[in-house]
Amino acid sequence: MKPFVKWIGSFFLLLLLVALFLPKRELYYKGEELLYQRGIVISDEQVRERALALELLDGKLYLKGILIGDFNQIQIYPDILFNLVTIQGFKRNKSIALIPDIAIERLLLFYTPFYPIKVFLKGEGSFGRLDGWIDLVERRGEIDLFGNPKGLGSLLKLKKIEEGHYRYEFTL
């Protein structure tokens, strides 16, 4: 039993050391290059490297050269066992009339290599609560909105599941 406990302890120590010494800032800049190829640019952010996470503070999000909105904080937790991205305080650019007036208080994106085909979403905003997933193999996803979608119905084709529960299905 002792060798097994030592092996498990060594494994978790290795995971902790990898998480601590992972080049988070360099991984972020590589991810920024990949997003740029798709027309997505994050700018004016302050980048802080923490022990287990990379923090982006007070930045702007552009899509194909158009300012979509501002965010207060994005935290990226890269790890071997799971990857987590949290977005807090996203507010859309009010000068764009096509996008409804929404604010995202908190959005979590969760990915694990143990289930490599899906990315899971969970969040809260001015529209209510959301739960969803994106299938990376089939390149499609579903987002369930619980609450009042306030103008999102005009922009997105939402299916009404029941009162206060709407579903948005999309393909990438």
N, C-alpha and C. Protein backbone atom coordinates (compact mmCIF):
# COMPACT_ATOMS: atom_id res chain seq x y z
N MET A 1 0.81 -1.19 0.00
CA MET A 1 0.00 0.00 0.00
C MET A 1 0.86 1.26 0.00
N LYS A 2 2.01 1.24 0.70
CA LYS A 2 2.88 2.41 0.77
C LYS A 2 3.40 2.83 -0.61
N PRO A 3 3.86 1.89 -1.47
CA PRO A 3 4.34 2.33 -2.78
C PRO A 3 3.25 3.00 -3.61
N PHE A 4 2.02 2.51 -3.47
CA PHE A 4 0.91 3.11 -4.22
C PHE A 4 0.65 4.54 -3.75
N VAL A 5 0.67 4.77 -2.44
CA VAL A 5 0.45 6.11 -1.89
C VAL A 5 1.57 7.04 -2.31
N LYS A 6 2.82 6.54 -2.30
CA LYS A 6 3.95 7.36 -2.74
C LYS A 6 3.82 7.71 -4.22
N TRP A 7 3.38 6.74 -5.03
CA TRP A 7 3.21 6.98 -6.45
C TRP A 7 2.13 8.04 -6.70
N ILE A 8 1.01 7.94 -6.01
CA ILE A 8 -0.08 8.92 -6.15
C ILE A 8 0.39 10.29 -5.68
N GLY A 9 1.09 10.34 -4.55
CA GLY A 9 1.61 11.61 -4.04
C GLY A 9 2.59 12.24 -5.01
N SER A 10 3.47 11.43 -5.59
CA SER A 10 4.43 11.94 -6.57
C SER A 10 3.73 12.46 -7.82
N PHE A 11 2.69 11.76 -8.24
CA PHE A 11 1.93 12.17 -9.42
C PHE A 11 1.29 13.54 -9.20
N PHE A 12 0.64 13.74 -8.05
CA PHE A 12 0.01 15.03 -7.77
C PHE A 12 1.03 16.14 -7.55
N LEU A 13 2.17 15.81 -6.99
CA LEU A 13 3.25 16.79 -6.86
C LEU A 13 3.75 17.22 -8.24
N LEU A 14 3.90 16.27 -9.14
CA LEU A 14 4.30 16.58 -10.51
C LEU A 14 3.27 17.48 -11.19
N LEU A 15 1.99 17.18 -11.02
CA LEU A 15 0.94 18.02 -11.60
C LEU A 15 0.99 19.44 -11.05
N LEU A 16 1.20 19.57 -9.76
CA LEU A 16 1.31 20.88 -9.14
C LEU A 16 2.51 21.65 -9.68
N LEU A 17 3.65 20.99 -9.82
CA LEU A 17 4.85 21.66 -10.34
C LEU A 17 4.67 22.07 -11.80
N VAL A 18 4.03 21.22 -12.59
CA VAL A 18 3.75 21.58 -13.99
C VAL A 18 2.84 22.80 -14.03
N ALA A 19 1.79 22.81 -13.23
CA ALA A 19 0.87 23.94 -13.21
C ALA A 19 1.56 25.23 -12.75
N LEU A 20 2.46 25.13 -11.79
CA LEU A 20 3.15 26.31 -11.28
C LEU A 20 4.14 26.88 -12.28
N PHE A 21 4.87 26.00 -13.00
CA PHE A 21 5.93 26.47 -13.87
C PHE A 21 5.56 26.46 -15.35
N LEU A 22 4.29 26.27 -15.67
CA LEU A 22 3.83 26.32 -17.05
C LEU A 22 4.00 27.74 -17.58
N PRO A 23 4.51 27.91 -18.79
CA PRO A 23 4.70 29.27 -19.33
C PRO A 23 3.36 29.86 -19.78
N LYS A 24 2.57 30.33 -18.82
CA LYS A 24 1.21 30.79 -19.08
C LYS A 24 1.17 31.99 -20.02
N ARG A 25 2.04 32.94 -19.82
CA ARG A 25 2.05 34.15 -20.65
C ARG A 25 2.36 33.81 -22.11
N GLU A 26 3.30 32.91 -22.34
CA GLU A 26 3.65 32.53 -23.71
C GLU A 26 2.51 31.76 -24.37
N LEU A 27 1.85 30.90 -23.60
CA LEU A 27 0.69 30.19 -24.12
C LEU A 27 -0.44 31.16 -24.49
N TYR A 28 -0.63 32.19 -23.68
CA TYR A 28 -1.65 33.20 -23.97
C TYR A 28 -1.32 33.93 -25.27
N TYR A 29 -0.07 34.33 -25.46
CA TYR A 29 0.30 35.05 -26.68
C TYR A 29 0.14 34.17 -27.92
N LYS A 30 0.42 32.88 -27.79
CA LYS A 30 0.19 31.95 -28.91
C LYS A 30 -1.31 31.83 -29.19
N GLY A 31 -2.11 31.75 -28.13
CA GLY A 31 -3.57 31.72 -28.30
C GLY A 31 -4.10 33.00 -28.93
N GLU A 32 -3.50 34.13 -28.57
CA GLU A 32 -3.88 35.41 -29.16
C GLU A 32 -3.61 35.41 -30.67
N GLU A 33 -2.48 34.82 -31.09
CA GLU A 33 -2.18 34.71 -32.53
C GLU A 33 -3.22 33.85 -33.24
N LEU A 34 -3.62 32.75 -32.62
CA LEU A 34 -4.63 31.88 -33.23
C LEU A 34 -5.99 32.57 -33.32
N LEU A 35 -6.35 33.33 -32.31
CA LEU A 35 -7.60 34.09 -32.36
C LEU A 35 -7.55 35.18 -33.42
N TYR A 36 -6.39 35.81 -33.60
CA TYR A 36 -6.22 36.85 -34.61
C TYR A 36 -6.51 36.32 -36.01
N GLN A 37 -6.13 35.07 -36.26
CA GLN A 37 -6.40 34.46 -37.57
C GLN A 37 -7.89 34.33 -37.83
N ARG A 38 -8.69 34.27 -36.79
CA ARG A 38 -10.15 34.18 -36.91
C ARG A 38 -10.82 35.55 -36.81
N GLY A 39 -10.03 36.62 -36.71
CA GLY A 39 -10.58 37.96 -36.65
C GLY A 39 -10.94 38.43 -35.25
N ILE A 40 -10.48 37.72 -34.22
CA ILE A 40 -10.78 38.08 -32.83
C ILE A 40 -9.51 38.66 -32.20
N VAL A 41 -9.63 39.87 -31.66
CA VAL A 41 -8.48 40.54 -31.05
C VAL A 41 -8.85 41.00 -29.65
N ILE A 42 -8.00 40.71 -28.69
CA ILE A 42 -8.12 41.21 -27.32
C ILE A 42 -7.03 42.26 -27.16
N SER A 43 -7.41 43.48 -26.78
CA SER A 43 -6.40 44.53 -26.67
C SER A 43 -6.59 45.36 -25.40
N ASP A 44 -5.61 46.20 -25.13
CA ASP A 44 -5.60 47.11 -23.99
C ASP A 44 -5.72 46.42 -22.64
N GLU A 45 -5.39 45.13 -22.59
CA GLU A 45 -5.52 44.38 -21.34
C GLU A 45 -4.21 44.43 -20.56
N GLN A 46 -4.34 44.31 -19.25
CA GLN A 46 -3.17 44.14 -18.40
C GLN A 46 -3.04 42.64 -18.14
N VAL A 47 -1.86 42.09 -18.37
CA VAL A 47 -1.64 40.65 -18.21
C VAL A 47 -0.85 40.43 -16.93
N ARG A 48 -1.43 39.60 -16.04
CA ARG A 48 -0.75 39.24 -14.79
C ARG A 48 -0.66 37.72 -14.71
N GLU A 49 0.53 37.25 -14.40
CA GLU A 49 0.72 35.82 -14.24
C GLU A 49 0.65 35.48 -12.75
N ARG A 50 -0.27 34.61 -12.41
CA ARG A 50 -0.44 34.13 -11.03
C ARG A 50 0.17 32.74 -10.93
N ALA A 51 0.13 32.16 -9.76
CA ALA A 51 0.72 30.83 -9.55
C ALA A 51 0.03 29.77 -10.41
N LEU A 52 -1.28 29.75 -10.41
CA LEU A 52 -2.01 28.72 -11.17
C LEU A 52 -2.79 29.28 -12.34
N ALA A 53 -2.86 30.61 -12.49
CA ALA A 53 -3.70 31.20 -13.52
C ALA A 53 -3.02 32.39 -14.18
N LEU A 54 -3.56 32.75 -15.33
CA LEU A 54 -3.16 33.97 -16.02
C LEU A 54 -4.37 34.89 -15.98
N GLU A 55 -4.16 36.13 -15.58
CA GLU A 55 -5.25 37.07 -15.42
C GLU A 55 -5.13 38.20 -16.43
N LEU A 56 -6.22 38.49 -17.11
CA LEU A 56 -6.30 39.63 -18.03
C LEU A 56 -7.28 40.62 -17.42
N LEU A 57 -6.86 41.86 -17.27
CA LEU A 57 -7.70 42.86 -16.61
C LEU A 57 -8.00 44.02 -17.55
N ASP A 58 -9.24 44.49 -17.51
CA ASP A 58 -9.69 45.71 -18.19
C ASP A 58 -9.26 45.76 -19.65
N GLY A 59 -9.78 44.86 -20.45
CA GLY A 59 -9.44 44.81 -21.86
C GLY A 59 -10.64 45.06 -22.75
N LYS A 60 -10.37 45.06 -24.05
CA LYS A 60 -11.39 45.26 -25.06
C LYS A 60 -11.38 44.07 -26.01
N LEU A 61 -12.56 43.72 -26.51
CA LEU A 61 -12.70 42.60 -27.44
C LEU A 61 -13.16 43.13 -28.79
N TYR A 62 -12.38 42.82 -29.84
CA TYR A 62 -12.69 43.23 -31.20
C TYR A 62 -12.99 41.99 -32.03
N LEU A 63 -13.97 42.10 -32.92
CA LEU A 63 -14.30 41.05 -33.86
C LEU A 63 -14.25 41.66 -35.25
N LYS A 64 -13.28 41.20 -36.05
CA LYS A 64 -13.06 41.70 -37.41
C LYS A 64 -12.95 43.23 -37.46
N GLY A 65 -12.23 43.78 -36.48
CA GLY A 65 -11.96 45.21 -36.44
C GLY A 65 -13.03 46.05 -35.77
N ILE A 66 -14.12 45.45 -35.31
CA ILE A 66 -15.21 46.19 -34.67
C ILE A 66 -15.16 45.93 -33.17
N LEU A 67 -15.20 47.00 -32.38
CA LEU A 67 -15.19 46.85 -30.92
C LEU A 67 -16.52 46.25 -30.49
N ILE A 68 -16.48 45.03 -29.95
CA ILE A 68 -17.69 44.33 -29.49
C ILE A 68 -18.02 44.71 -28.05
N GLY A 69 -17.00 44.82 -27.20
CA GLY A 69 -17.26 45.17 -25.82
C GLY A 69 -16.01 45.21 -24.97
N ASP A 70 -16.22 45.49 -23.69
CA ASP A 70 -15.14 45.57 -22.70
C ASP A 70 -15.36 44.50 -21.65
N PHE A 71 -14.26 44.04 -21.05
CA PHE A 71 -14.37 43.09 -19.95
C PHE A 71 -13.55 43.58 -18.77
N ASN A 72 -13.98 43.17 -17.58
CA ASN A 72 -13.25 43.53 -16.37
C ASN A 72 -12.12 42.55 -16.10
N GLN A 73 -12.42 41.24 -16.24
CA GLN A 73 -11.41 40.24 -15.88
C GLN A 73 -11.65 38.95 -16.65
N ILE A 74 -10.57 38.37 -17.13
CA ILE A 74 -10.57 37.03 -17.69
C ILE A 74 -9.46 36.27 -16.97
N GLN A 75 -9.80 35.10 -16.43
CA GLN A 75 -8.80 34.25 -15.79
C GLN A 75 -8.70 32.96 -16.60
N ILE A 76 -7.48 32.57 -16.90
CA ILE A 76 -7.21 31.35 -17.66
C ILE A 76 -6.41 30.41 -16.77
N TYR A 77 -6.97 29.22 -16.54
CA TYR A 77 -6.32 28.19 -15.73
C TYR A 77 -5.89 27.04 -16.64
N PRO A 78 -4.68 27.07 -17.18
CA PRO A 78 -4.24 25.94 -18.01
C PRO A 78 -3.66 24.85 -17.11
N ASP A 79 -4.04 23.63 -17.36
CA ASP A 79 -3.57 22.52 -16.54
C ASP A 79 -3.60 21.26 -17.38
N ILE A 80 -3.05 20.20 -16.84
CA ILE A 80 -3.04 18.92 -17.55
C ILE A 80 -4.39 18.24 -17.40
N LEU A 81 -4.99 18.29 -16.23
CA LEU A 81 -6.24 17.57 -15.97
C LEU A 81 -7.48 18.33 -16.45
N PHE A 82 -7.43 19.66 -16.48
CA PHE A 82 -8.55 20.45 -16.95
C PHE A 82 -8.05 21.84 -17.36
N ASN A 83 -8.85 22.51 -18.17
CA ASN A 83 -8.59 23.89 -18.54
C ASN A 83 -9.86 24.68 -18.25
N LEU A 84 -9.70 25.84 -17.65
CA LEU A 84 -10.84 26.64 -17.26
C LEU A 84 -10.59 28.09 -17.64
N VAL A 85 -11.60 28.72 -18.22
CA VAL A 85 -11.54 30.15 -18.53
C VAL A 85 -12.76 30.79 -17.89
N THR A 86 -12.55 31.83 -17.10
CA THR A 86 -13.66 32.58 -16.52
C THR A 86 -13.60 34.01 -17.04
N ILE A 87 -14.75 34.51 -17.44
CA ILE A 87 -14.88 35.88 -17.94
C ILE A 87 -15.85 36.59 -17.01
N GLN A 88 -15.44 37.75 -16.51
CA GLN A 88 -16.29 38.49 -15.58
C GLN A 88 -16.43 39.93 -16.05
N GLY A 89 -17.64 40.44 -15.93
CA GLY A 89 -17.89 41.85 -16.20
C GLY A 89 -17.77 42.24 -17.66
N PHE A 90 -18.37 41.46 -18.57
CA PHE A 90 -18.34 41.82 -20.00
C PHE A 90 -19.54 42.69 -20.33
N LYS A 91 -19.29 43.85 -20.92
CA LYS A 91 -20.35 44.76 -21.35
C LYS A 91 -20.15 45.07 -22.82
N ARG A 92 -21.24 44.99 -23.57
CA ARG A 92 -21.15 45.21 -25.00
C ARG A 92 -20.95 46.68 -25.33
N ASN A 93 -20.44 46.93 -26.53
CA ASN A 93 -20.25 48.28 -27.03
C ASN A 93 -21.63 48.86 -27.33
N LYS A 94 -22.02 49.92 -26.65
CA LYS A 94 -23.37 50.48 -26.78
C LYS A 94 -23.60 51.16 -28.13
N SER A 95 -22.54 51.45 -28.87
CA SER A 95 -22.72 52.12 -30.16
C SER A 95 -23.11 51.14 -31.28
N ILE A 96 -23.08 49.84 -31.02
CA ILE A 96 -23.51 48.85 -32.01
C ILE A 96 -24.98 48.53 -31.74
N ALA A 97 -25.84 48.95 -32.65
CA ALA A 97 -27.28 48.77 -32.45
C ALA A 97 -27.74 47.35 -32.73
N LEU A 98 -26.98 46.59 -33.51
CA LEU A 98 -27.40 45.23 -33.88
C LEU A 98 -27.31 44.25 -32.72
N ILE A 99 -26.43 44.51 -31.77
CA ILE A 99 -26.26 43.61 -30.63
C ILE A 99 -27.16 44.11 -29.51
N PRO A 100 -28.01 43.23 -28.96
CA PRO A 100 -28.88 43.67 -27.86
C PRO A 100 -28.07 44.09 -26.64
N ASP A 101 -28.70 44.90 -25.80
CA ASP A 101 -28.04 45.41 -24.61
C ASP A 101 -27.93 44.30 -23.56
N ILE A 102 -26.82 43.57 -23.60
CA ILE A 102 -26.59 42.49 -22.65
C ILE A 102 -25.30 42.75 -21.90
N ALA A 103 -25.25 42.21 -20.71
CA ALA A 103 -24.04 42.25 -19.90
C ALA A 103 -23.85 40.85 -19.33
N ILE A 104 -22.62 40.35 -19.39
CA ILE A 104 -22.31 39.04 -18.84
C ILE A 104 -21.58 39.26 -17.53
N GLU A 105 -22.21 38.83 -16.45
CA GLU A 105 -21.58 38.97 -15.14
C GLU A 105 -20.47 37.94 -14.95
N ARG A 106 -20.75 36.69 -15.36
CA ARG A 106 -19.77 35.62 -15.19
C ARG A 106 -20.03 34.55 -16.23
N LEU A 107 -18.97 34.09 -16.89
CA LEU A 107 -19.07 33.01 -17.87
C LEU A 107 -17.89 32.07 -17.65
N LEU A 108 -18.17 30.76 -17.52
CA LEU A 108 -17.12 29.76 -17.33
C LEU A 108 -17.10 28.85 -18.55
N LEU A 109 -15.91 28.59 -19.06
CA LEU A 109 -15.70 27.61 -20.13
C LEU A 109 -14.78 26.54 -19.55
N PHE A 110 -15.21 25.28 -19.59
CA PHE A 110 -14.49 24.18 -18.96
C PHE A 110 -14.20 23.11 -20.00
N TYR A 111 -12.93 22.67 -20.05
CA TYR A 111 -12.51 21.63 -20.97
C TYR A 111 -11.58 20.67 -20.23
N THR A 112 -11.75 19.39 -20.46
CA THR A 112 -10.85 18.41 -19.86
C THR A 112 -10.43 17.40 -20.93
N PRO A 113 -9.17 16.99 -20.94
CA PRO A 113 -8.74 15.98 -21.92
C PRO A 113 -9.34 14.60 -21.65
N PHE A 114 -9.96 14.41 -20.49
CA PHE A 114 -10.62 13.13 -20.22
C PHE A 114 -11.92 13.01 -21.02
N TYR A 115 -12.49 14.13 -21.44
CA TYR A 115 -13.66 14.15 -22.31
C TYR A 115 -13.37 15.19 -23.39
N PRO A 116 -12.50 14.83 -24.36
CA PRO A 116 -11.93 15.82 -25.27
C PRO A 116 -12.85 16.35 -26.35
N ILE A 117 -14.06 15.83 -26.45
CA ILE A 117 -14.91 16.29 -27.55
C ILE A 117 -15.79 17.47 -27.18
N LYS A 118 -15.92 17.81 -25.91
CA LYS A 118 -16.85 18.88 -25.53
C LYS A 118 -16.21 19.93 -24.65
N VAL A 119 -16.67 21.15 -24.86
CA VAL A 119 -16.37 22.28 -23.99
C VAL A 119 -17.70 22.64 -23.32
N PHE A 120 -17.69 22.81 -22.02
CA PHE A 120 -18.92 23.10 -21.28
C PHE A 120 -18.95 24.57 -20.90
N LEU A 121 -20.14 25.17 -20.95
CA LEU A 121 -20.34 26.58 -20.65
C LEU A 121 -21.32 26.71 -19.49
N LYS A 122 -21.10 27.70 -18.66
CA LYS A 122 -22.02 28.02 -17.57
C LYS A 122 -21.84 29.49 -17.28
N GLY A 123 -22.95 30.21 -17.09
CA GLY A 123 -22.80 31.63 -16.83
C GLY A 123 -24.06 32.31 -16.35
N GLU A 124 -23.91 33.60 -16.10
CA GLU A 124 -24.99 34.46 -15.64
C GLU A 124 -24.81 35.82 -16.29
N GLY A 125 -25.94 36.46 -16.57
CA GLY A 125 -25.87 37.78 -17.16
C GLY A 125 -27.19 38.51 -17.03
N SER A 126 -27.32 39.60 -17.78
CA SER A 126 -28.55 40.38 -17.72
C SER A 126 -29.73 39.61 -18.32
N PHE A 127 -29.47 38.57 -19.07
CA PHE A 127 -30.50 37.74 -19.70
C PHE A 127 -30.94 36.58 -18.81
N GLY A 128 -30.24 36.34 -17.73
CA GLY A 128 -30.54 35.22 -16.84
C GLY A 128 -29.34 34.30 -16.73
N ARG A 129 -29.62 33.01 -16.54
CA ARG A 129 -28.58 32.00 -16.38
C ARG A 129 -28.45 31.21 -17.67
N LEU A 130 -27.24 30.72 -17.98
CA LEU A 130 -27.05 29.90 -19.16
C LEU A 130 -26.23 28.67 -18.84
N ASP A 131 -26.55 27.58 -19.53
CA ASP A 131 -25.81 26.32 -19.48
C ASP A 131 -25.68 25.85 -20.91
N GLY A 132 -24.54 25.28 -21.26
CA GLY A 132 -24.41 24.81 -22.62
C GLY A 132 -23.17 23.99 -22.84
N TRP A 133 -23.00 23.59 -24.09
CA TRP A 133 -21.85 22.79 -24.49
C TRP A 133 -21.56 23.06 -25.97
N ILE A 134 -20.30 22.79 -26.34
CA ILE A 134 -19.86 22.87 -27.73
C ILE A 134 -19.18 21.55 -28.05
N ASP A 135 -19.66 20.85 -29.07
CA ASP A 135 -19.06 19.60 -29.53
C ASP A 135 -17.97 19.95 -30.53
N LEU A 136 -16.72 19.66 -30.20
CA LEU A 136 -15.59 20.04 -31.04
C LEU A 136 -15.44 19.16 -32.26
N VAL A 137 -15.96 17.93 -32.22
CA VAL A 137 -15.87 17.03 -33.36
C VAL A 137 -16.93 17.36 -34.40
N GLU A 138 -18.18 17.46 -33.96
CA GLU A 138 -19.27 17.75 -34.87
C GLU A 138 -19.41 19.24 -35.17
N ARG A 139 -18.66 20.07 -34.45
CA ARG A 139 -18.64 21.52 -34.63
C ARG A 139 -20.04 22.13 -34.51
N ARG A 140 -20.73 21.76 -33.43
CA ARG A 140 -22.04 22.32 -33.14
C ARG A 140 -22.19 22.47 -31.64
N GLY A 141 -23.21 23.19 -31.22
CA GLY A 141 -23.40 23.39 -29.79
C GLY A 141 -24.82 23.79 -29.45
N GLU A 142 -25.09 23.79 -28.17
CA GLU A 142 -26.38 24.20 -27.63
C GLU A 142 -26.15 25.05 -26.39
N ILE A 143 -26.94 26.10 -26.29
CA ILE A 143 -26.92 26.94 -25.09
C ILE A 143 -28.35 27.08 -24.60
N ASP A 144 -28.58 26.71 -23.35
CA ASP A 144 -29.88 26.86 -22.73
C ASP A 144 -29.88 28.12 -21.89
N LEU A 145 -30.87 28.99 -22.13
CA LEU A 145 -31.02 30.22 -21.37
C LEU A 145 -32.20 30.08 -20.43
N PHE A 146 -32.00 30.41 -19.18
CA PHE A 146 -33.06 30.35 -18.17
C PHE A 146 -33.29 31.76 -17.66
N GLY A 147 -34.41 32.31 -18.00
CA GLY A 147 -34.72 33.68 -17.60
C GLY A 147 -35.35 34.42 -18.75
N ASN A 148 -35.12 35.71 -18.82
CA ASN A 148 -35.68 36.56 -19.86
C ASN A 148 -34.58 36.94 -20.84
N PRO A 149 -34.63 36.46 -22.10
CA PRO A 149 -33.54 36.74 -23.03
C PRO A 149 -33.50 38.17 -23.57
N LYS A 150 -34.39 39.06 -23.18
CA LYS A 150 -34.36 40.50 -23.50
C LYS A 150 -33.74 40.86 -24.84
N GLY A 151 -34.42 40.68 -25.90
CA GLY A 151 -33.93 41.10 -27.21
C GLY A 151 -33.02 40.11 -27.89
N LEU A 152 -32.58 39.06 -27.19
CA LEU A 152 -31.74 38.06 -27.84
C LEU A 152 -32.54 37.26 -28.87
N GLY A 153 -33.85 37.17 -28.67
CA GLY A 153 -34.70 36.44 -29.61
C GLY A 153 -34.71 37.05 -30.99
N SER A 154 -34.52 38.36 -31.10
CA SER A 154 -34.48 39.00 -32.40
C SER A 154 -33.14 38.75 -33.12
N LEU A 155 -32.09 38.54 -32.36
CA LEU A 155 -30.77 38.32 -32.94
C LEU A 155 -30.51 36.83 -33.18
N LEU A 156 -30.88 36.00 -32.23
CA LEU A 156 -30.65 34.56 -32.29
C LEU A 156 -31.98 33.84 -32.47
N LYS A 157 -31.94 32.71 -33.14
CA LYS A 157 -33.14 31.90 -33.27
C LYS A 157 -33.27 31.01 -32.05
N LEU A 158 -34.01 31.50 -31.07
CA LEU A 158 -34.19 30.77 -29.83
C LEU A 158 -35.44 29.91 -29.91
N LYS A 159 -35.31 28.67 -29.45
CA LYS A 159 -36.47 27.78 -29.35
C LYS A 159 -36.97 27.84 -27.91
N LYS A 160 -38.27 28.02 -27.78
CA LYS A 160 -38.85 28.05 -26.44
C LYS A 160 -39.11 26.61 -26.00
N ILE A 161 -38.43 26.18 -24.95
CA ILE A 161 -38.61 24.84 -24.40
C ILE A 161 -39.81 24.83 -23.46
N GLU A 162 -39.83 25.78 -22.56
CA GLU A 162 -40.95 26.01 -21.64
C GLU A 162 -40.85 27.44 -21.17
N GLU A 163 -41.78 27.88 -20.36
CA GLU A 163 -41.76 29.26 -19.89
C GLU A 163 -40.46 29.56 -19.14
N GLY A 164 -39.71 30.56 -19.61
CA GLY A 164 -38.46 30.93 -18.97
C GLY A 164 -37.27 30.07 -19.34
N HIS A 165 -37.42 29.14 -20.30
CA HIS A 165 -36.32 28.25 -20.73
C HIS A 165 -36.28 28.27 -22.26
N TYR A 166 -35.16 28.78 -22.80
CA TYR A 166 -34.97 28.90 -24.24
C TYR A 166 -33.70 28.19 -24.63
N ARG A 167 -33.65 27.71 -25.88
CA ARG A 167 -32.46 27.00 -26.36
C ARG A 167 -31.99 27.62 -27.67
N TYR A 168 -30.65 27.82 -27.75
CA TYR A 168 -30.02 28.30 -28.97
C TYR A 168 -29.11 27.19 -29.46
N GLU A 169 -29.35 26.72 -30.69
CA GLU A 169 -28.52 25.70 -31.31
C GLU A 169 -27.73 26.34 -32.43
N PHE A 170 -26.45 25.99 -32.57
CA PHE A 170 -25.61 26.62 -33.58
C PHE A 170 -24.58 25.63 -34.10
N THR A 171 -23.99 25.98 -35.24
CA THR A 171 -22.88 25.21 -35.81
C THR A 171 -21.71 26.17 -36.00
N LEU A 172 -20.53 25.63 -35.92
CA LEU A 172 -19.31 26.45 -36.07
C LEU A 172 -18.79 26.38 -37.48
